[in-house]
Amino acid sequence: MTQSMINAIVKVLSPTQKKAVYDMGFGSLLKLDMDVVPGLLNYYLLDVYDPESNRLMMENGVLEITKELVHKMMGLAMEGDDLCRMPYYETGNEILEEWKVLSIL
């Protein structure tokens, strides 16, 4: 999922859905304006990222990327299901149906 896709989704969430996102511990995502992230910053981070050590190897120092750091900086949950491994939505999924109802409130 791209930055612009996430930003577009956040913009169309209903107030009830936004509250649900906040209540799940992902409220910081609602505050990010991902349209303003400079493209060059993305390239720089990719250039200095070492996937083997999970670190940003910058001129002024090294930053180790940990789940605790991501939680502290972005407020994201440290545990949970891997979104990439979750099954696609199927008709009759009670949780998704409930979420869809929230979008019209």
C-alpha atoms as a PDB file:
ATOM      1  CA  MET A   1       0.000   0.000   0.000  1.00  0.00           C
ATOM      2  CA  THR A   2       1.430   3.367  -0.990  1.00  0.00           C
ATOM      3  CA  GLN A   3       1.518   6.572   1.026  1.00  0.00           C
ATOM      4  CA  SER A   4      -1.067   8.194  -1.214  1.00  0.00           C
ATOM      5  CA  MET A   5      -3.401   5.200  -0.855  1.00  0.00           C
ATOM      6  CA  ILE A   6      -3.232   5.377   2.952  1.00  0.00           C
ATOM      7  CA  ASN A   7      -3.780   9.135   2.859  1.00  0.00           C
ATOM      8  CA  ALA A   8      -6.793   8.719   0.549  1.00  0.00           C
ATOM      9  CA  ILE A   9      -8.311   6.101   2.851  1.00  0.00           C
ATOM     10  CA  VAL A  10      -7.824   8.265   5.949  1.00  0.00           C
ATOM     11  CA  LYS A  11      -9.528  11.204   4.224  1.00  0.00           C
ATOM     12  CA  VAL A  12     -12.749   9.263   3.581  1.00  0.00           C
ATOM     13  CA  LEU A  13     -13.115   7.586   6.972  1.00  0.00           C
ATOM     14  CA  SER A  14     -16.237   8.535   8.868  1.00  0.00           C
ATOM     15  CA  PRO A  15     -15.848  10.016  12.370  1.00  0.00           C
ATOM     16  CA  THR A  16     -16.995   6.678  13.804  1.00  0.00           C
ATOM     17  CA  GLN A  17     -14.359   4.793  11.805  1.00  0.00           C
ATOM     18  CA  LYS A  18     -11.680   7.277  12.878  1.00  0.00           C
ATOM     19  CA  LYS A  19     -12.651   6.719  16.506  1.00  0.00           C
ATOM     20  CA  ALA A  20     -12.414   2.955  15.975  1.00  0.00           C
ATOM     21  CA  VAL A  21      -8.926   3.345  14.453  1.00  0.00           C
ATOM     22  CA  TYR A  22      -7.902   5.495  17.424  1.00  0.00           C
ATOM     23  CA  ASP A  23      -9.377   3.003  19.908  1.00  0.00           C
ATOM     24  CA  MET A  24      -7.378   0.177  18.264  1.00  0.00           C
ATOM     25  CA  GLY A  25      -4.154   2.076  18.959  1.00  0.00           C
ATOM     26  CA  PHE A  26      -3.511   3.424  15.468  1.00  0.00           C
ATOM     27  CA  GLY A  27      -4.612   7.017  16.073  1.00  0.00           C
ATOM     28  CA  SER A  28      -1.247   8.432  15.058  1.00  0.00           C
ATOM     29  CA  LEU A  29      -1.870   7.262  11.478  1.00  0.00           C
ATOM     30  CA  LEU A  30      -4.847   9.609  11.317  1.00  0.00           C
ATOM     31  CA  LYS A  31      -2.577  12.580  12.054  1.00  0.00           C
ATOM     32  CA  LEU A  32      -0.026  11.875   9.339  1.00  0.00           C
ATOM     33  CA  ASP A  33      -0.275  13.923   6.170  1.00  0.00           C
ATOM     34  CA  MET A  34       1.444  11.454   3.906  1.00  0.00           C
ATOM     35  CA  ASP A  35       1.032  13.643   0.822  1.00  0.00           C
ATOM     36  CA  VAL A  36       3.745  15.979   2.087  1.00  0.00           C
ATOM     37  CA  VAL A  37       6.510  13.412   2.608  1.00  0.00           C
ATOM     38  CA  PRO A  38       9.228  14.567   0.219  1.00  0.00           C
ATOM     39  CA  GLY A  39      10.075  11.973  -2.400  1.00  0.00           C
ATOM     40  CA  LEU A  40      13.789  12.532  -1.929  1.00  0.00           C
ATOM     41  CA  LEU A  41      13.494  11.606   1.747  1.00  0.00           C
ATOM     42  CA  ASN A  42      12.059   8.247   0.721  1.00  0.00           C
ATOM     43  CA  TYR A  43      15.001   7.612  -1.596  1.00  0.00           C
ATOM     44  CA  TYR A  44      17.488   8.719   1.056  1.00  0.00           C
ATOM     45  CA  LEU A  45      16.002   6.357   3.640  1.00  0.00           C
ATOM     46  CA  LEU A  46      16.141   3.493   1.157  1.00  0.00           C
ATOM     47  CA  ASP A  47      19.765   4.314   0.386  1.00  0.00           C
ATOM     48  CA  VAL A  48      20.878   4.321   4.027  1.00  0.00           C
ATOM     49  CA  TYR A  49      18.743   1.371   5.180  1.00  0.00           C
ATOM     50  CA  ASP A  50      20.561  -1.903   5.859  1.00  0.00           C
ATOM     51  CA  PRO A  51      17.955  -4.710   5.738  1.00  0.00           C
ATOM     52  CA  GLU A  52      20.316  -7.259   7.291  1.00  0.00           C
ATOM     53  CA  SER A  53      20.758  -5.265  10.499  1.00  0.00           C
ATOM     54  CA  ASN A  54      17.447  -3.373  10.280  1.00  0.00           C
ATOM     55  CA  ARG A  55      19.308  -0.080  10.732  1.00  0.00           C
ATOM     56  CA  LEU A  56      19.592   3.302   9.085  1.00  0.00           C
ATOM     57  CA  MET A  57      23.322   3.816   8.497  1.00  0.00           C
ATOM     58  CA  MET A  58      23.608   7.615   8.323  1.00  0.00           C
ATOM     59  CA  GLU A  59      26.632   9.926   8.311  1.00  0.00           C
ATOM     60  CA  ASN A  60      25.925  11.224  11.819  1.00  0.00           C
ATOM     61  CA  GLY A  61      25.073   7.884  13.377  1.00  0.00           C
ATOM     62  CA  VAL A  62      23.159   4.661  13.236  1.00  0.00           C
ATOM     63  CA  LEU A  63      19.484   4.211  14.055  1.00  0.00           C
ATOM     64  CA  GLU A  64      18.266   0.697  14.775  1.00  0.00           C
ATOM     65  CA  ILE A  65      14.665   0.183  13.718  1.00  0.00           C
ATOM     66  CA  THR A  66      12.814  -1.805  16.381  1.00  0.00           C
ATOM     67  CA  LYS A  67       9.146  -2.417  17.036  1.00  0.00           C
ATOM     68  CA  GLU A  68       9.549  -0.430  20.260  1.00  0.00           C
ATOM     69  CA  LEU A  69      10.946   2.560  18.336  1.00  0.00           C
ATOM     70  CA  VAL A  70       8.164   2.408  15.750  1.00  0.00           C
ATOM     71  CA  HIS A  71       5.616   2.193  18.582  1.00  0.00           C
ATOM     72  CA  LYS A  72       7.183   5.166  20.372  1.00  0.00           C
ATOM     73  CA  MET A  73       7.444   7.349  17.257  1.00  0.00           C
ATOM     74  CA  MET A  74       4.193   6.455  15.499  1.00  0.00           C
ATOM     75  CA  GLY A  75       2.016   4.959  18.205  1.00  0.00           C
ATOM     76  CA  LEU A  76       1.552   1.729  16.244  1.00  0.00           C
ATOM     77  CA  ALA A  77       0.797  -1.510  18.040  1.00  0.00           C
ATOM     78  CA  MET A  78       3.829  -3.727  18.686  1.00  0.00           C
ATOM     79  CA  GLU A  79       1.956  -7.026  18.410  1.00  0.00           C
ATOM     80  CA  GLY A  80      -0.779  -8.388  16.230  1.00  0.00           C
ATOM     81  CA  ASP A  81      -1.561 -10.149  12.996  1.00  0.00           C
ATOM     82  CA  ASP A  82       0.645  -9.758   9.930  1.00  0.00           C
ATOM     83  CA  LEU A  83      -1.575  -7.853   7.492  1.00  0.00           C
ATOM     84  CA  CYS A  84       0.189  -9.422   4.507  1.00  0.00           C
ATOM     85  CA  ARG A  85      -0.769 -12.892   5.695  1.00  0.00           C
ATOM     86  CA  MET A  86      -4.404 -12.159   6.464  1.00  0.00           C
ATOM     87  CA  PRO A  87      -7.005 -13.715   4.156  1.00  0.00           C
ATOM     88  CA  TYR A  88      -8.917 -11.537   1.736  1.00  0.00           C
ATOM     89  CA  TYR A  89     -12.391 -10.419   2.722  1.00  0.00           C
ATOM     90  CA  GLU A  90     -15.151 -12.845   2.001  1.00  0.00           C
ATOM     91  CA  THR A  91     -18.864 -12.125   2.076  1.00  0.00           C
ATOM     92  CA  GLY A  92     -20.254 -12.777   5.509  1.00  0.00           C
ATOM     93  CA  ASN A  93     -17.209 -11.557   7.467  1.00  0.00           C
ATOM     94  CA  GLU A  94     -18.903 -10.151  10.587  1.00  0.00           C
ATOM     95  CA  ILE A  95     -16.078  -7.780  11.502  1.00  0.00           C
ATOM     96  CA  LEU A  96     -15.892  -6.222   8.044  1.00  0.00           C
ATOM     97  CA  GLU A  97     -19.662  -5.951   7.828  1.00  0.00           C
ATOM     98  CA  GLU A  98     -19.643  -4.109  11.181  1.00  0.00           C
ATOM     99  CA  TRP A  99     -16.882  -1.804   9.891  1.00  0.00           C
ATOM    100  CA  LYS A 100     -18.929  -1.049   6.765  1.00  0.00           C
ATOM    101  CA  VAL A 101     -21.888  -0.095   8.952  1.00  0.00           C
ATOM    102  CA  LEU A 102     -19.627   2.331  10.852  1.00  0.00           C
ATOM    103  CA  SER A 103     -18.783   4.093   7.581  1.00  0.00           C
ATOM    104  CA  ILE A 104     -22.361   5.260   7.114  1.00  0.00           C
ATOM    105  CA  LEU A 105     -22.870   6.538  10.664  1.00  0.00           C
END
